[in-house]
Amino acid sequence: MEYRGRNALITGASSGIGEAFARELAARGMALLLTAYPAEEARLQAIGQELRDRHGVRVEVVPLDLSEREGAARLQAGADALGFEPDLLVNSAGLGAGGDFASAPLDRQLTMIHVNVEALVALCGLYLPRLAARRDGSIINIVSTSAFEPMPYMAVYAASKAFVLRFSEALWAENHRRGVRVVALCPGPVQTAFHQAAGAGEPGSGLRRGARRRYLTAEHVVEAGLNGLERDRPTVVRRAPGLAPLYYGATVVGRLAPRRLRLMTSERLNRWYFEQR
């Protein structure tokens, strides 16, 4: 697959998986449009300047809040104003919130749905017709292994990722014969700041040191995603080298046990994890 001289739009690009995609794609010669929350503009600008200097590629920065209703449309309008037409869309922006749903602020849960689901669907809906018309282009949607199982104490987050997984797989089926590739990239636990933002502490905190070392890096996730893209795989699962109980216990039990037991096991594991915070 050719990268050099083509364009990629990356959301959530100020840190974590989004930043890692920006760095890898710039190294492969792609021009970039990076977006994240306006509060992250200084960080985005610094990343953009570094990648311009290091790789000699075009990097545009459009700070924008995708939790706002018209955020996706304004992002496309900003890209159009810059004459930037993406060949690859990487939907990496996402929110997570942990804790008991009944006790959590409802506005936070609804904002999570808007960013994780509605904004992602809107961006796919805005750009997919253009890619299909050219019969060329790709979309990578960042999902999570939590999409495969209900996740008590992160109920909305896991449910939002389940939606993105099924949505992305359906888009792959509809579009792969048109020359457009769609990948649902499902990483296990990753060493990023996402855990803190979700209220889950540092990545791997509360676990033994050996278990913490088994967390994926963002670079592992990017490598898996691009490999899957080149092979036109609808779903790519990148598991961590070790199986941390929080993330995999319910899945393993679920292969052997009734659904009720699976849910009870998952609830107990997740409650234990959040009590460690």
C-alpha atoms as a PDB file:
ATOM      1  CA  MET A   1       0.000   0.000   0.000  1.00  0.00           C
ATOM      2  CA  GLU A   2       1.336   3.418  -0.969  1.00  0.00           C
ATOM      3  CA  TYR A   3       1.621   6.071   1.746  1.00  0.00           C
ATOM      4  CA  ARG A   4       4.093   8.636   0.427  1.00  0.00           C
ATOM      5  CA  GLY A   5       2.492  11.711  -1.026  1.00  0.00           C
ATOM      6  CA  ARG A   6      -0.966  10.901   0.323  1.00  0.00           C
ATOM      7  CA  ASN A   7      -3.026  12.532   3.079  1.00  0.00           C
ATOM      8  CA  ALA A   8      -4.221  11.336   6.485  1.00  0.00           C
ATOM      9  CA  LEU A   9      -6.669  13.011   8.868  1.00  0.00           C
ATOM     10  CA  ILE A  10      -6.168  11.902  12.475  1.00  0.00           C
ATOM     11  CA  THR A  11      -8.467  12.741  15.379  1.00  0.00           C
ATOM     12  CA  GLY A  12      -7.261  12.569  18.973  1.00  0.00           C
ATOM     13  CA  ALA A  13      -3.772  13.270  17.650  1.00  0.00           C
ATOM     14  CA  SER A  14      -2.298  15.111  20.647  1.00  0.00           C
ATOM     15  CA  SER A  15      -1.369  11.962  22.561  1.00  0.00           C
ATOM     16  CA  GLY A  16      -1.569   8.183  22.771  1.00  0.00           C
ATOM     17  CA  ILE A  17      -2.605   6.123  19.760  1.00  0.00           C
ATOM     18  CA  GLY A  18      -3.506   9.162  17.671  1.00  0.00           C
ATOM     19  CA  GLU A  19      -0.083  10.730  18.177  1.00  0.00           C
ATOM     20  CA  ALA A  20       1.607   7.408  17.411  1.00  0.00           C
ATOM     21  CA  PHE A  21      -0.320   7.179  14.135  1.00  0.00           C
ATOM     22  CA  ALA A  22       0.764  10.718  13.271  1.00  0.00           C
ATOM     23  CA  ARG A  23       4.410   9.912  13.880  1.00  0.00           C
ATOM     24  CA  GLU A  24       4.367   6.664  11.919  1.00  0.00           C
ATOM     25  CA  LEU A  25       2.421   8.008   8.962  1.00  0.00           C
ATOM     26  CA  ALA A  26       4.634  11.094   8.720  1.00  0.00           C
ATOM     27  CA  ALA A  27       7.661   8.778   8.696  1.00  0.00           C
ATOM     28  CA  ARG A  28       6.033   6.984   5.759  1.00  0.00           C
ATOM     29  CA  GLY A  29       5.708  10.248   3.876  1.00  0.00           C
ATOM     30  CA  MET A  30       2.051  11.123   4.400  1.00  0.00           C
ATOM     31  CA  ALA A  31       0.781  14.669   4.772  1.00  0.00           C
ATOM     32  CA  LEU A  32      -1.281  15.059   7.942  1.00  0.00           C
ATOM     33  CA  LEU A  33      -4.177  16.987   9.356  1.00  0.00           C
ATOM     34  CA  LEU A  34      -4.180  16.663  13.137  1.00  0.00           C
ATOM     35  CA  THR A  35      -7.036  17.515  15.449  1.00  0.00           C
ATOM     36  CA  ALA A  36      -7.732  17.336  19.172  1.00  0.00           C
ATOM     37  CA  TYR A  37      -9.408  19.477  21.833  1.00  0.00           C
ATOM     38  CA  PRO A  38      -8.605  23.209  21.604  1.00  0.00           C
ATOM     39  CA  ALA A  39      -6.948  22.931  25.027  1.00  0.00           C
ATOM     40  CA  GLU A  40      -4.375  20.664  23.354  1.00  0.00           C
ATOM     41  CA  GLU A  41      -3.496  23.138  20.591  1.00  0.00           C
ATOM     42  CA  ALA A  42       0.001  23.875  21.906  1.00  0.00           C
ATOM     43  CA  ARG A  43       0.762  20.161  22.038  1.00  0.00           C
ATOM     44  CA  LEU A  44      -0.641  19.633  18.525  1.00  0.00           C
ATOM     45  CA  GLN A  45       1.395  22.530  17.151  1.00  0.00           C
ATOM     46  CA  ALA A  46       4.570  21.146  18.736  1.00  0.00           C
ATOM     47  CA  ILE A  47       3.958  17.692  17.247  1.00  0.00           C
ATOM     48  CA  GLY A  48       3.184  19.233  13.876  1.00  0.00           C
ATOM     49  CA  GLN A  49       6.373  21.314  13.793  1.00  0.00           C
ATOM     50  CA  GLU A  50       8.487  18.351  14.876  1.00  0.00           C
ATOM     51  CA  LEU A  51       7.082  16.168  12.087  1.00  0.00           C
ATOM     52  CA  ARG A  52       7.536  18.891   9.470  1.00  0.00           C
ATOM     53  CA  ASP A  53      11.158  19.356  10.487  1.00  0.00           C
ATOM     54  CA  ARG A  54      11.948  15.659  10.758  1.00  0.00           C
ATOM     55  CA  HIS A  55      10.152  14.272   7.705  1.00  0.00           C
ATOM     56  CA  GLY A  56       9.550  17.262   5.434  1.00  0.00           C
ATOM     57  CA  VAL A  57       5.826  16.564   5.174  1.00  0.00           C
ATOM     58  CA  ARG A  58       2.858  18.901   5.272  1.00  0.00           C
ATOM     59  CA  VAL A  59       1.176  18.977   8.668  1.00  0.00           C
ATOM     60  CA  GLU A  60      -1.963  21.015   9.313  1.00  0.00           C
ATOM     61  CA  VAL A  61      -3.408  21.533  12.799  1.00  0.00           C
ATOM     62  CA  VAL A  62      -7.132  22.122  13.386  1.00  0.00           C
ATOM     63  CA  PRO A  63      -7.995  22.214  17.119  1.00  0.00           C
ATOM     64  CA  LEU A  64     -11.641  21.305  17.537  1.00  0.00           C
ATOM     65  CA  ASP A  65     -14.064  19.833  20.074  1.00  0.00           C
ATOM     66  CA  LEU A  66     -15.731  16.757  18.595  1.00  0.00           C
ATOM     67  CA  SER A  67     -18.091  16.568  21.566  1.00  0.00           C
ATOM     68  CA  GLU A  68     -19.944  19.543  20.079  1.00  0.00           C
ATOM     69  CA  ARG A  69     -22.885  18.658  17.858  1.00  0.00           C
ATOM     70  CA  GLU A  70     -21.463  20.175  14.674  1.00  0.00           C
ATOM     71  CA  GLY A  71     -17.855  19.286  15.454  1.00  0.00           C
ATOM     72  CA  ALA A  72     -17.410  16.736  12.664  1.00  0.00           C
ATOM     73  CA  ALA A  73     -18.916  19.030  10.029  1.00  0.00           C
ATOM     74  CA  ARG A  74     -16.713  21.915  11.164  1.00  0.00           C
ATOM     75  CA  LEU A  75     -13.659  19.671  10.982  1.00  0.00           C
ATOM     76  CA  GLN A  76     -14.452  18.754   7.386  1.00  0.00           C
ATOM     77  CA  ALA A  77     -15.108  22.408   6.560  1.00  0.00           C
ATOM     78  CA  GLY A  78     -11.733  23.321   8.081  1.00  0.00           C
ATOM     79  CA  ALA A  79      -9.990  20.635   6.056  1.00  0.00           C
ATOM     80  CA  ASP A  80     -11.725  21.770   2.862  1.00  0.00           C
ATOM     81  CA  ALA A  81     -10.688  25.366   3.518  1.00  0.00           C
ATOM     82  CA  LEU A  82      -7.081  24.174   3.693  1.00  0.00           C
ATOM     83  CA  GLY A  83      -7.441  22.150   0.502  1.00  0.00           C
ATOM     84  CA  PHE A  84      -6.779  18.993   2.496  1.00  0.00           C
ATOM     85  CA  GLU A  85      -8.553  15.887   1.170  1.00  0.00           C
ATOM     86  CA  PRO A  86      -7.741  12.775   3.242  1.00  0.00           C
ATOM     87  CA  ASP A  87      -6.995   9.403   1.679  1.00  0.00           C
ATOM     88  CA  LEU A  88      -6.924   7.879   5.167  1.00  0.00           C
ATOM     89  CA  LEU A  89      -9.189   8.788   8.087  1.00  0.00           C
ATOM     90  CA  VAL A  90      -8.024   7.637  11.528  1.00  0.00           C
ATOM     91  CA  ASN A  91     -10.753   8.013  14.137  1.00  0.00           C
ATOM     92  CA  SER A  92      -8.694   7.897  17.318  1.00  0.00           C
ATOM     93  CA  ALA A  93     -10.532  10.469  19.440  1.00  0.00           C
ATOM     94  CA  GLY A  94     -12.377   8.874  22.335  1.00  0.00           C
ATOM     95  CA  LEU A  95     -13.543   9.341  25.893  1.00  0.00           C
ATOM     96  CA  GLY A  96     -13.767   6.900  28.777  1.00  0.00           C
ATOM     97  CA  ALA A  97     -15.329   7.161  32.207  1.00  0.00           C
ATOM     98  CA  GLY A  98     -15.215   4.541  34.922  1.00  0.00           C
ATOM     99  CA  GLY A  99     -17.408   3.859  37.912  1.00  0.00           C
ATOM    100  CA  ASP A 100     -20.925   2.843  38.813  1.00  0.00           C
ATOM    101  CA  PHE A 101     -23.304   4.138  36.119  1.00  0.00           C
ATOM    102  CA  ALA A 102     -26.047   5.047  38.621  1.00  0.00           C
ATOM    103  CA  SER A 103     -23.618   7.305  40.512  1.00  0.00           C
ATOM    104  CA  ALA A 104     -21.866   8.839  37.513  1.00  0.00           C
ATOM    105  CA  PRO A 105     -22.701  12.273  36.060  1.00  0.00           C
ATOM    106  CA  LEU A 106     -25.131  11.683  33.208  1.00  0.00           C
ATOM    107  CA  ASP A 107     -23.730  14.489  31.082  1.00  0.00           C
ATOM    108  CA  ARG A 108     -20.329  12.766  31.092  1.00  0.00           C
ATOM    109  CA  GLN A 109     -21.900   9.503  29.876  1.00  0.00           C
ATOM    110  CA  LEU A 110     -23.801  11.292  27.097  1.00  0.00           C
ATOM    111  CA  THR A 111     -20.710  13.213  26.019  1.00  0.00           C
ATOM    112  CA  MET A 112     -18.866   9.911  25.795  1.00  0.00           C
ATOM    113  CA  ILE A 113     -21.529   8.536  23.447  1.00  0.00           C
ATOM    114  CA  HIS A 114     -21.335  11.656  21.319  1.00  0.00           C
ATOM    115  CA  VAL A 115     -17.530  11.531  20.919  1.00  0.00           C
ATOM    116  CA  ASN A 116     -17.089   7.751  20.699  1.00  0.00           C
ATOM    117  CA  VAL A 117     -20.112   7.051  18.500  1.00  0.00           C
ATOM    118  CA  GLU A 118     -21.862  10.056  16.970  1.00  0.00           C
ATOM    119  CA  ALA A 119     -18.770  12.054  15.961  1.00  0.00           C
ATOM    120  CA  LEU A 120     -17.109   8.936  14.546  1.00  0.00           C
ATOM    121  CA  VAL A 121     -20.221   8.021  12.541  1.00  0.00           C
ATOM    122  CA  ALA A 122     -20.481  11.613  11.315  1.00  0.00           C
ATOM    123  CA  LEU A 123     -16.878  11.678  10.086  1.00  0.00           C
ATOM    124  CA  CYS A 124     -17.319   8.346   8.335  1.00  0.00           C
ATOM    125  CA  GLY A 125     -20.543   9.640   6.810  1.00  0.00           C
ATOM    126  CA  LEU A 126     -18.875  12.834   5.613  1.00  0.00           C
ATOM    127  CA  TYR A 127     -15.777  11.248   4.101  1.00  0.00           C
ATOM    128  CA  LEU A 128     -16.834   7.776   3.005  1.00  0.00           C
ATOM    129  CA  PRO A 129     -18.894   9.030   0.006  1.00  0.00           C
ATOM    130  CA  ARG A 130     -15.831  10.897  -1.256  1.00  0.00           C
ATOM    131  CA  LEU A 131     -13.598   7.843  -0.848  1.00  0.00           C
ATOM    132  CA  ALA A 132     -16.173   5.623  -2.551  1.00  0.00           C
ATOM    133  CA  ALA A 133     -16.501   8.074  -5.444  1.00  0.00           C
ATOM    134  CA  ARG A 134     -12.723   7.879  -5.978  1.00  0.00           C
ATOM    135  CA  ARG A 135     -12.825   4.109  -5.383  1.00  0.00           C
ATOM    136  CA  ASP A 136      -9.791   4.574  -3.197  1.00  0.00           C
ATOM    137  CA  GLY A 137      -9.042   5.330   0.436  1.00  0.00           C
ATOM    138  CA  SER A 138      -9.165   3.918   3.931  1.00  0.00           C
ATOM    139  CA  ILE A 139     -10.669   4.383   7.381  1.00  0.00           C
ATOM    140  CA  ILE A 140      -9.231   3.077  10.652  1.00  0.00           C
ATOM    141  CA  ASN A 141     -11.576   3.230  13.629  1.00  0.00           C
ATOM    142  CA  ILE A 142      -9.968   2.702  17.032  1.00  0.00           C
ATOM    143  CA  VAL A 143     -12.130   0.320  19.038  1.00  0.00           C
ATOM    144  CA  SER A 144     -11.054  -1.755  22.073  1.00  0.00           C
ATOM    145  CA  THR A 145     -11.136  -5.365  23.195  1.00  0.00           C
ATOM    146  CA  SER A 146     -13.797  -4.173  25.651  1.00  0.00           C
ATOM    147  CA  ALA A 147     -16.138  -4.156  22.624  1.00  0.00           C
ATOM    148  CA  PHE A 148     -16.395  -7.933  22.832  1.00  0.00           C
ATOM    149  CA  GLU A 149     -17.883  -8.132  26.342  1.00  0.00           C
ATOM    150  CA  PRO A 150     -20.122  -6.032  28.612  1.00  0.00           C
ATOM    151  CA  MET A 151     -17.940  -4.143  31.076  1.00  0.00           C
ATOM    152  CA  PRO A 152     -19.527  -3.293  34.437  1.00  0.00           C
ATOM    153  CA  TYR A 153     -18.237   0.017  35.833  1.00  0.00           C
ATOM    154  CA  MET A 154     -17.365   1.103  32.302  1.00  0.00           C
ATOM    155  CA  ALA A 155     -20.766   0.238  30.904  1.00  0.00           C
ATOM    156  CA  VAL A 156     -21.219   3.107  28.447  1.00  0.00           C
ATOM    157  CA  TYR A 157     -17.618   3.010  27.238  1.00  0.00           C
ATOM    158  CA  ALA A 158     -17.707  -0.700  26.390  1.00  0.00           C
ATOM    159  CA  ALA A 159     -21.139  -0.370  24.804  1.00  0.00           C
ATOM    160  CA  SER A 160     -19.956   2.549  22.668  1.00  0.00           C
ATOM    161  CA  LYS A 161     -17.002   0.503  21.464  1.00  0.00           C
ATOM    162  CA  ALA A 162     -19.277  -2.457  20.687  1.00  0.00           C
ATOM    163  CA  PHE A 163     -21.252  -0.129  18.426  1.00  0.00           C
ATOM    164  CA  VAL A 164     -18.098   1.080  16.672  1.00  0.00           C
ATOM    165  CA  LEU A 165     -16.924  -2.493  16.129  1.00  0.00           C
ATOM    166  CA  ARG A 166     -20.172  -3.634  14.461  1.00  0.00           C
ATOM    167  CA  PHE A 167     -20.503  -0.382  12.515  1.00  0.00           C
ATOM    168  CA  SER A 168     -16.938  -0.636  11.182  1.00  0.00           C
ATOM    169  CA  GLU A 169     -17.316  -4.268  10.174  1.00  0.00           C
ATOM    170  CA  ALA A 170     -20.521  -3.435   8.293  1.00  0.00           C
ATOM    171  CA  LEU A 171     -18.777  -0.573   6.486  1.00  0.00           C
ATOM    172  CA  TRP A 172     -15.976  -2.930   5.467  1.00  0.00           C
ATOM    173  CA  ALA A 173     -18.518  -5.338   3.944  1.00  0.00           C
ATOM    174  CA  GLU A 174     -20.308  -2.533   2.086  1.00  0.00           C
ATOM    175  CA  ASN A 175     -17.194  -0.867   0.711  1.00  0.00           C
ATOM    176  CA  HIS A 176     -14.267  -3.235   0.238  1.00  0.00           C
ATOM    177  CA  ARG A 177     -15.344  -4.049  -3.338  1.00  0.00           C
ATOM    178  CA  ARG A 178     -15.359  -0.318  -4.064  1.00  0.00           C
ATOM    179  CA  GLY A 179     -11.674  -0.081  -3.260  1.00  0.00           C
ATOM    180  CA  VAL A 180     -12.247   1.467   0.185  1.00  0.00           C
ATOM    181  CA  ARG A 181     -10.795  -0.324   3.204  1.00  0.00           C
ATOM    182  CA  VAL A 182     -12.262  -0.041   6.701  1.00  0.00           C
ATOM    183  CA  VAL A 183     -10.500  -1.477   9.745  1.00  0.00           C
ATOM    184  CA  ALA A 184     -11.842  -1.872  13.276  1.00  0.00           C
ATOM    185  CA  LEU A 185      -8.661  -1.793  15.362  1.00  0.00           C
ATOM    186  CA  CYS A 186      -9.231  -3.423  18.758  1.00  0.00           C
ATOM    187  CA  PRO A 187      -6.270  -3.094  21.127  1.00  0.00           C
ATOM    188  CA  GLY A 188      -6.010  -4.496  24.610  1.00  0.00           C
ATOM    189  CA  PRO A 189      -4.792  -2.239  27.454  1.00  0.00           C
ATOM    190  CA  VAL A 190      -2.361   0.387  26.179  1.00  0.00           C
ATOM    191  CA  GLN A 191       0.232   2.523  27.960  1.00  0.00           C
ATOM    192  CA  THR A 192      -1.441   5.908  27.395  1.00  0.00           C
ATOM    193  CA  ALA A 193      -2.981   8.665  29.516  1.00  0.00           C
ATOM    194  CA  PHE A 194      -6.460   7.343  28.642  1.00  0.00           C
ATOM    195  CA  HIS A 195      -6.722   5.373  31.911  1.00  0.00           C
ATOM    196  CA  GLN A 196      -6.230   8.517  33.982  1.00  0.00           C
ATOM    197  CA  ALA A 197      -8.820  10.415  31.960  1.00  0.00           C
ATOM    198  CA  ALA A 198     -11.251   7.536  32.480  1.00  0.00           C
ATOM    199  CA  GLY A 199     -10.715   7.640  36.229  1.00  0.00           C
ATOM    200  CA  ALA A 200      -8.815   4.363  36.249  1.00  0.00           C
ATOM    201  CA  GLY A 201      -5.436   5.662  37.415  1.00  0.00           C
ATOM    202  CA  GLU A 202      -2.111   5.035  35.717  1.00  0.00           C
ATOM    203  CA  PRO A 203      -2.018   2.187  33.165  1.00  0.00           C
ATOM    204  CA  GLY A 204      -1.614  -1.017  35.116  1.00  0.00           C
ATOM    205  CA  SER A 205      -1.740   0.612  38.545  1.00  0.00           C
ATOM    206  CA  GLY A 206      -3.004  -1.810  41.156  1.00  0.00           C
ATOM    207  CA  LEU A 207      -1.428  -4.699  39.251  1.00  0.00           C
ATOM    208  CA  ARG A 208       1.876  -6.454  39.803  1.00  0.00           C
ATOM    209  CA  ARG A 209       4.908  -4.909  38.131  1.00  0.00           C
ATOM    210  CA  GLY A 210       5.206  -7.826  35.691  1.00  0.00           C
ATOM    211  CA  ALA A 211       1.603  -7.377  34.598  1.00  0.00           C
ATOM    212  CA  ARG A 212       2.148  -3.649  34.018  1.00  0.00           C
ATOM    213  CA  ARG A 213       5.042  -4.448  31.689  1.00  0.00           C
ATOM    214  CA  ARG A 214       2.686  -6.505  29.539  1.00  0.00           C
ATOM    215  CA  TYR A 215       0.629  -3.493  28.501  1.00  0.00           C
ATOM    216  CA  LEU A 216       0.813  -2.587  24.818  1.00  0.00           C
ATOM    217  CA  THR A 217       2.536   0.541  23.613  1.00  0.00           C
ATOM    218  CA  ALA A 218       0.733   2.868  21.227  1.00  0.00           C
ATOM    219  CA  GLU A 219       3.354   1.923  18.642  1.00  0.00           C
ATOM    220  CA  HIS A 220       2.323  -1.761  18.926  1.00  0.00           C
ATOM    221  CA  VAL A 221      -1.253  -0.737  18.151  1.00  0.00           C
ATOM    222  CA  VAL A 222      -0.296   1.378  15.140  1.00  0.00           C
ATOM    223  CA  GLU A 223       1.822  -1.424  13.696  1.00  0.00           C
ATOM    224  CA  ALA A 224      -1.064  -3.883  14.028  1.00  0.00           C
ATOM    225  CA  GLY A 225      -3.528  -1.429  12.502  1.00  0.00           C
ATOM    226  CA  LEU A 226      -1.415  -0.654   9.443  1.00  0.00           C
ATOM    227  CA  ASN A 227      -0.628  -4.330   8.905  1.00  0.00           C
ATOM    228  CA  GLY A 228      -4.344  -5.077   9.003  1.00  0.00           C
ATOM    229  CA  LEU A 229      -5.056  -2.197   6.630  1.00  0.00           C
ATOM    230  CA  GLU A 230      -2.551  -3.497   4.095  1.00  0.00           C
ATOM    231  CA  ARG A 231      -4.167  -6.954   4.286  1.00  0.00           C
ATOM    232  CA  ASP A 232      -7.703  -5.512   3.983  1.00  0.00           C
ATOM    233  CA  ARG A 233      -8.786  -7.086   7.276  1.00  0.00           C
ATOM    234  CA  PRO A 234     -12.106  -5.841   8.657  1.00  0.00           C
ATOM    235  CA  THR A 235     -11.101  -6.428  12.293  1.00  0.00           C
ATOM    236  CA  VAL A 236      -7.678  -6.391  13.935  1.00  0.00           C
ATOM    237  CA  VAL A 237      -7.317  -7.482  17.553  1.00  0.00           C
ATOM    238  CA  ARG A 238      -3.988  -6.655  19.197  1.00  0.00           C
ATOM    239  CA  ARG A 239      -3.824  -8.285  22.594  1.00  0.00           C
ATOM    240  CA  ALA A 240      -1.268  -7.453  25.242  1.00  0.00           C
ATOM    241  CA  PRO A 241       1.513 -10.027  25.760  1.00  0.00           C
ATOM    242  CA  GLY A 242      -0.004 -11.012  29.134  1.00  0.00           C
ATOM    243  CA  LEU A 243      -3.613 -11.411  30.169  1.00  0.00           C
ATOM    244  CA  ALA A 244      -4.349  -8.873  32.920  1.00  0.00           C
ATOM    245  CA  PRO A 245      -7.335 -10.151  34.938  1.00  0.00           C
ATOM    246  CA  LEU A 246      -9.348  -6.965  34.575  1.00  0.00           C
ATOM    247  CA  TYR A 247      -9.369  -7.001  30.815  1.00  0.00           C
ATOM    248  CA  TYR A 248      -9.425 -10.672  29.949  1.00  0.00           C
ATOM    249  CA  GLY A 249     -10.837 -12.626  32.876  1.00  0.00           C
ATOM    250  CA  ALA A 250     -14.466 -12.206  31.866  1.00  0.00           C
ATOM    251  CA  THR A 251     -13.688 -13.025  28.232  1.00  0.00           C
ATOM    252  CA  VAL A 252     -11.904 -16.269  29.107  1.00  0.00           C
ATOM    253  CA  VAL A 253     -14.622 -17.349  31.525  1.00  0.00           C
ATOM    254  CA  GLY A 254     -17.271 -16.385  28.970  1.00  0.00           C
ATOM    255  CA  ARG A 255     -16.074 -19.048  26.562  1.00  0.00           C
ATOM    256  CA  LEU A 256     -16.933 -21.738  29.075  1.00  0.00           C
ATOM    257  CA  ALA A 257     -19.663 -20.315  31.293  1.00  0.00           C
ATOM    258  CA  PRO A 258     -23.284 -19.136  30.998  1.00  0.00           C
ATOM    259  CA  ARG A 259     -23.826 -15.444  30.327  1.00  0.00           C
ATOM    260  CA  ARG A 260     -25.037 -14.775  33.872  1.00  0.00           C
ATOM    261  CA  LEU A 261     -21.816 -16.129  35.351  1.00  0.00           C
ATOM    262  CA  ARG A 262     -19.783 -14.179  32.812  1.00  0.00           C
ATOM    263  CA  LEU A 263     -21.459 -10.940  33.867  1.00  0.00           C
ATOM    264  CA  MET A 264     -21.047 -11.692  37.567  1.00  0.00           C
ATOM    265  CA  THR A 265     -17.358 -12.465  37.075  1.00  0.00           C
ATOM    266  CA  SER A 266     -16.797  -9.324  35.051  1.00  0.00           C
ATOM    267  CA  GLU A 267     -18.568  -7.192  37.669  1.00  0.00           C
ATOM    268  CA  ARG A 268     -16.430  -8.593  40.452  1.00  0.00           C
ATOM    269  CA  LEU A 269     -13.150  -8.108  38.602  1.00  0.00           C
ATOM    270  CA  ASN A 270     -13.959  -4.566  37.540  1.00  0.00           C
ATOM    271  CA  ARG A 271     -15.268  -3.563  40.963  1.00  0.00           C
ATOM    272  CA  TRP A 272     -12.035  -4.816  42.515  1.00  0.00           C
ATOM    273  CA  TYR A 273     -10.008  -2.830  39.997  1.00  0.00           C
ATOM    274  CA  PHE A 274     -11.791   0.468  40.565  1.00  0.00           C
ATOM    275  CA  GLU A 275     -11.654  -0.001  44.353  1.00  0.00           C
ATOM    276  CA  GLN A 276      -7.852   0.038  44.030  1.00  0.00           C
ATOM    277  CA  ARG A 277      -7.914   3.620  42.680  1.00  0.00           C
END
